[in-house]
Amino acid sequence: MHRRIALVLGLAAALALGLATTAWLGADRNQRRERAGAEALAAASAATTAIFSYDYRSFDASVANAKQFITGDFATEYAETTASLKPAAEQEQAVVRAEVSAAGIISAGPDQVEVLLYVNQYRRNVNITGEKVDQNRVVLTLVHVDGRWRVSHALAI
């Protein structure tokens, strides 16, 4: 009889320990996801400003600045896009300044976060009078690389 009670108590303790461990792991996973989301959201705003802004007078410096925020195939795509954009930017004396007006997390994991950003691009060039504002929406995928959040994909929507 005492063996059965001890066995039942042992099983109950093991079950309680298993449930507590599962709850703790779930809470830890949620905290990591929330922390990743917050960090990536902050990084996304800075990255957006750098990636979607340029000045024809310092175009190469603008591109070099943006490269610190990008990684993977997107780095190649960005290099190709900016190389083809440079002649037109210089010819039109274009200055584009991007500002994030709102941002939110679409999905977050510990190593990858998707962020939706509302971006205002203030444009000036020789073809327009004054400044024009383009309002855009962009989804950025950020991945955790070498201790930093970097943009691995951008999609205008």
C-alpha atoms as a PDB file:
ATOM      1  CA  MET A   1       0.000   0.000   0.000  1.00  0.00           C
ATOM      2  CA  HIS A   2       2.787   2.431   0.903  1.00  0.00           C
ATOM      3  CA  ARG A   3       4.495   1.571  -2.372  1.00  0.00           C
ATOM      4  CA  ARG A   4       1.397   2.504  -4.350  1.00  0.00           C
ATOM      5  CA  ILE A   5       1.059   5.814  -2.508  1.00  0.00           C
ATOM      6  CA  ALA A   6       4.738   6.534  -3.022  1.00  0.00           C
ATOM      7  CA  LEU A   7       4.416   5.617  -6.705  1.00  0.00           C
ATOM      8  CA  VAL A   8       1.335   7.832  -7.158  1.00  0.00           C
ATOM      9  CA  LEU A   9       3.031  10.706  -5.325  1.00  0.00           C
ATOM     10  CA  GLY A  10       6.172  10.231  -7.406  1.00  0.00           C
ATOM     11  CA  LEU A  11       4.163  10.261 -10.646  1.00  0.00           C
ATOM     12  CA  ALA A  12       2.237  13.341  -9.492  1.00  0.00           C
ATOM     13  CA  ALA A  13       5.495  15.120  -8.654  1.00  0.00           C
ATOM     14  CA  ALA A  14       6.997  14.173 -12.031  1.00  0.00           C
ATOM     15  CA  LEU A  15       3.866  15.391 -13.811  1.00  0.00           C
ATOM     16  CA  ALA A  16       3.900  18.669 -11.858  1.00  0.00           C
ATOM     17  CA  LEU A  17       7.586  19.141 -12.653  1.00  0.00           C
ATOM     18  CA  GLY A  18       6.910  18.455 -16.335  1.00  0.00           C
ATOM     19  CA  LEU A  19       4.049  20.946 -16.435  1.00  0.00           C
ATOM     20  CA  ALA A  20       6.104  23.586 -14.625  1.00  0.00           C
ATOM     21  CA  THR A  21       9.003  23.064 -17.028  1.00  0.00           C
ATOM     22  CA  THR A  22       6.694  23.321 -20.041  1.00  0.00           C
ATOM     23  CA  ALA A  23       5.141  26.522 -18.681  1.00  0.00           C
ATOM     24  CA  TRP A  24       8.573  28.005 -17.946  1.00  0.00           C
ATOM     25  CA  LEU A  25       9.874  27.129 -21.414  1.00  0.00           C
ATOM     26  CA  GLY A  26       6.767  28.627 -23.017  1.00  0.00           C
ATOM     27  CA  ALA A  27       7.149  31.841 -21.020  1.00  0.00           C
ATOM     28  CA  ASP A  28      10.851  32.012 -21.880  1.00  0.00           C
ATOM     29  CA  ARG A  29      10.083  31.506 -25.582  1.00  0.00           C
ATOM     30  CA  ASN A  30       7.464  34.270 -25.432  1.00  0.00           C
ATOM     31  CA  GLN A  31       9.893  36.630 -23.697  1.00  0.00           C
ATOM     32  CA  ARG A  32      12.569  35.941 -26.336  1.00  0.00           C
ATOM     33  CA  ARG A  33      10.024  36.529 -29.110  1.00  0.00           C
ATOM     34  CA  GLU A  34       8.864  39.800 -27.520  1.00  0.00           C
ATOM     35  CA  ARG A  35      12.448  40.969 -26.986  1.00  0.00           C
ATOM     36  CA  ALA A  36      13.343  40.058 -30.583  1.00  0.00           C
ATOM     37  CA  GLY A  37      10.296  41.939 -31.846  1.00  0.00           C
ATOM     38  CA  ALA A  38      11.141  45.078 -29.895  1.00  0.00           C
ATOM     39  CA  GLU A  39      14.797  45.019 -30.960  1.00  0.00           C
ATOM     40  CA  ALA A  40      13.971  44.333 -34.609  1.00  0.00           C
ATOM     41  CA  LEU A  41      11.296  47.039 -34.634  1.00  0.00           C
ATOM     42  CA  ALA A  42      13.835  49.616 -33.455  1.00  0.00           C
ATOM     43  CA  ALA A  43      16.383  48.384 -35.988  1.00  0.00           C
ATOM     44  CA  ALA A  44      13.774  48.460 -38.776  1.00  0.00           C
ATOM     45  CA  SER A  45      13.129  52.166 -38.313  1.00  0.00           C
ATOM     46  CA  ALA A  46      16.815  53.053 -38.550  1.00  0.00           C
ATOM     47  CA  ALA A  47      17.292  50.672 -41.477  1.00  0.00           C
ATOM     48  CA  THR A  48      14.315  52.106 -43.354  1.00  0.00           C
ATOM     49  CA  THR A  49      15.643  55.635 -43.052  1.00  0.00           C
ATOM     50  CA  ALA A  50      19.045  54.543 -44.363  1.00  0.00           C
ATOM     51  CA  ILE A  51      17.836  52.215 -47.125  1.00  0.00           C
ATOM     52  CA  PHE A  52      15.168  54.470 -48.604  1.00  0.00           C
ATOM     53  CA  SER A  53      17.021  57.821 -48.377  1.00  0.00           C
ATOM     54  CA  TYR A  54      19.699  59.243 -50.637  1.00  0.00           C
ATOM     55  CA  ASP A  55      21.239  62.487 -51.769  1.00  0.00           C
ATOM     56  CA  TYR A  56      22.707  62.828 -55.253  1.00  0.00           C
ATOM     57  CA  ARG A  57      25.631  64.862 -53.808  1.00  0.00           C
ATOM     58  CA  SER A  58      26.675  61.990 -51.523  1.00  0.00           C
ATOM     59  CA  PHE A  59      25.000  59.039 -53.217  1.00  0.00           C
ATOM     60  CA  ASP A  60      27.827  56.549 -52.619  1.00  0.00           C
ATOM     61  CA  ALA A  61      27.997  57.472 -48.933  1.00  0.00           C
ATOM     62  CA  SER A  62      24.214  57.016 -48.632  1.00  0.00           C
ATOM     63  CA  VAL A  63      24.481  53.557 -50.187  1.00  0.00           C
ATOM     64  CA  ALA A  64      27.442  52.632 -47.975  1.00  0.00           C
ATOM     65  CA  ASN A  65      25.485  53.719 -44.902  1.00  0.00           C
ATOM     66  CA  ALA A  66      22.499  51.575 -45.903  1.00  0.00           C
ATOM     67  CA  LYS A  67      24.674  48.492 -46.440  1.00  0.00           C
ATOM     68  CA  GLN A  68      25.317  48.200 -42.711  1.00  0.00           C
ATOM     69  CA  PHE A  69      21.613  47.432 -42.255  1.00  0.00           C
ATOM     70  CA  ILE A  70      21.201  44.706 -44.906  1.00  0.00           C
ATOM     71  CA  THR A  71      22.258  41.122 -45.456  1.00  0.00           C
ATOM     72  CA  GLY A  72      21.929  38.122 -47.741  1.00  0.00           C
ATOM     73  CA  ASP A  73      20.299  38.253 -51.154  1.00  0.00           C
ATOM     74  CA  PHE A  74      18.793  41.625 -50.310  1.00  0.00           C
ATOM     75  CA  ALA A  75      22.291  43.108 -50.170  1.00  0.00           C
ATOM     76  CA  THR A  76      22.861  42.009 -53.774  1.00  0.00           C
ATOM     77  CA  GLU A  77      19.443  43.287 -54.859  1.00  0.00           C
ATOM     78  CA  TYR A  78      20.067  46.619 -53.121  1.00  0.00           C
ATOM     79  CA  ALA A  79      23.474  47.023 -54.773  1.00  0.00           C
ATOM     80  CA  GLU A  80      21.969  46.378 -58.212  1.00  0.00           C
ATOM     81  CA  THR A  81      19.050  48.738 -57.622  1.00  0.00           C
ATOM     82  CA  THR A  82      21.171  51.593 -56.336  1.00  0.00           C
ATOM     83  CA  ALA A  83      23.723  51.166 -59.147  1.00  0.00           C
ATOM     84  CA  SER A  84      20.950  51.601 -61.717  1.00  0.00           C
ATOM     85  CA  LEU A  85      19.402  54.494 -59.740  1.00  0.00           C
ATOM     86  CA  LYS A  86      22.587  56.542 -59.360  1.00  0.00           C
ATOM     87  CA  PRO A  87      22.747  58.077 -62.884  1.00  0.00           C
ATOM     88  CA  ALA A  88      19.131  59.263 -62.713  1.00  0.00           C
ATOM     89  CA  ALA A  89      19.576  60.594 -59.170  1.00  0.00           C
ATOM     90  CA  GLU A  90      22.606  62.610 -60.245  1.00  0.00           C
ATOM     91  CA  GLN A  91      20.994  63.848 -63.448  1.00  0.00           C
ATOM     92  CA  GLU A  92      17.818  64.957 -61.639  1.00  0.00           C
ATOM     93  CA  GLN A  93      19.753  66.202 -58.566  1.00  0.00           C
ATOM     94  CA  ALA A  94      17.456  64.058 -56.459  1.00  0.00           C
ATOM     95  CA  VAL A  95      17.320  64.156 -52.699  1.00  0.00           C
ATOM     96  CA  VAL A  96      15.063  61.639 -50.969  1.00  0.00           C
ATOM     97  CA  ARG A  97      14.602  61.588 -47.207  1.00  0.00           C
ATOM     98  CA  ALA A  98      12.657  58.689 -45.718  1.00  0.00           C
ATOM     99  CA  GLU A  99      10.905  58.858 -42.366  1.00  0.00           C
ATOM    100  CA  VAL A 100       8.933  56.149 -40.630  1.00  0.00           C
ATOM    101  CA  SER A 101       5.541  57.462 -39.547  1.00  0.00           C
ATOM    102  CA  ALA A 102       4.298  54.199 -37.989  1.00  0.00           C
ATOM    103  CA  ALA A 103       5.521  50.639 -37.582  1.00  0.00           C
ATOM    104  CA  GLY A 104       4.270  47.373 -36.186  1.00  0.00           C
ATOM    105  CA  ILE A 105       5.290  43.766 -35.889  1.00  0.00           C
ATOM    106  CA  ILE A 106       3.624  41.283 -38.226  1.00  0.00           C
ATOM    107  CA  SER A 107       5.354  38.216 -36.819  1.00  0.00           C
ATOM    108  CA  ALA A 108       8.274  37.597 -34.517  1.00  0.00           C
ATOM    109  CA  GLY A 109      10.536  34.699 -33.732  1.00  0.00           C
ATOM    110  CA  PRO A 110      13.822  34.718 -31.866  1.00  0.00           C
ATOM    111  CA  ASP A 111      15.879  35.000 -35.081  1.00  0.00           C
ATOM    112  CA  GLN A 112      13.471  36.480 -37.653  1.00  0.00           C
ATOM    113  CA  VAL A 113      10.930  39.293 -37.446  1.00  0.00           C
ATOM    114  CA  GLU A 114       8.592  40.780 -40.048  1.00  0.00           C
ATOM    115  CA  VAL A 115       7.732  44.449 -39.633  1.00  0.00           C
ATOM    116  CA  LEU A 116       5.192  46.633 -41.434  1.00  0.00           C
ATOM    117  CA  LEU A 117       6.321  50.241 -41.790  1.00  0.00           C
ATOM    118  CA  TYR A 118       4.501  53.305 -43.041  1.00  0.00           C
ATOM    119  CA  VAL A 119       7.167  55.400 -44.722  1.00  0.00           C
ATOM    120  CA  ASN A 120       7.001  58.983 -45.927  1.00  0.00           C
ATOM    121  CA  GLN A 121       9.575  59.794 -48.584  1.00  0.00           C
ATOM    122  CA  TYR A 122      10.198  63.506 -49.030  1.00  0.00           C
ATOM    123  CA  ARG A 123      11.527  64.098 -52.545  1.00  0.00           C
ATOM    124  CA  ARG A 124      13.181  67.077 -54.183  1.00  0.00           C
ATOM    125  CA  ASN A 125      14.673  67.219 -57.666  1.00  0.00           C
ATOM    126  CA  VAL A 126      15.000  69.533 -60.658  1.00  0.00           C
ATOM    127  CA  ASN A 127      11.760  68.227 -62.176  1.00  0.00           C
ATOM    128  CA  ILE A 128       9.451  69.270 -59.332  1.00  0.00           C
ATOM    129  CA  THR A 129       8.777  72.511 -57.525  1.00  0.00           C
ATOM    130  CA  GLY A 130       9.248  72.315 -53.793  1.00  0.00           C
ATOM    131  CA  GLU A 131       9.081  68.997 -52.052  1.00  0.00           C
ATOM    132  CA  LYS A 132       6.814  66.059 -52.823  1.00  0.00           C
ATOM    133  CA  VAL A 133       5.780  63.460 -50.261  1.00  0.00           C
ATOM    134  CA  ASP A 134       5.265  59.837 -51.243  1.00  0.00           C
ATOM    135  CA  GLN A 135       3.495  57.697 -48.666  1.00  0.00           C
ATOM    136  CA  ASN A 136       4.551  54.070 -48.832  1.00  0.00           C
ATOM    137  CA  ARG A 137       4.038  50.851 -46.934  1.00  0.00           C
ATOM    138  CA  VAL A 138       6.912  48.413 -46.685  1.00  0.00           C
ATOM    139  CA  VAL A 139       7.251  44.993 -45.113  1.00  0.00           C
ATOM    140  CA  LEU A 140      10.783  44.272 -43.949  1.00  0.00           C
ATOM    141  CA  THR A 141      12.047  40.875 -42.903  1.00  0.00           C
ATOM    142  CA  LEU A 142      14.836  41.205 -40.375  1.00  0.00           C
ATOM    143  CA  VAL A 143      17.155  38.423 -39.296  1.00  0.00           C
ATOM    144  CA  HIS A 144      19.528  38.291 -36.377  1.00  0.00           C
ATOM    145  CA  VAL A 145      23.087  38.211 -37.765  1.00  0.00           C
ATOM    146  CA  ASP A 146      26.250  38.646 -35.710  1.00  0.00           C
ATOM    147  CA  GLY A 147      24.344  40.155 -32.806  1.00  0.00           C
ATOM    148  CA  ARG A 148      22.471  42.718 -34.945  1.00  0.00           C
ATOM    149  CA  TRP A 149      19.137  42.846 -36.709  1.00  0.00           C
ATOM    150  CA  ARG A 150      19.587  43.225 -40.467  1.00  0.00           C
ATOM    151  CA  VAL A 151      17.130  43.457 -43.338  1.00  0.00           C
ATOM    152  CA  SER A 152      17.084  40.303 -45.443  1.00  0.00           C
ATOM    153  CA  HIS A 153      14.035  41.186 -47.563  1.00  0.00           C
ATOM    154  CA  ALA A 154      11.944  44.241 -48.377  1.00  0.00           C
ATOM    155  CA  LEU A 155       8.546  44.274 -50.018  1.00  0.00           C
ATOM    156  CA  ALA A 156       6.633  47.404 -50.996  1.00  0.00           C
ATOM    157  CA  ILE A 157       2.901  46.913 -50.609  1.00  0.00           C
END
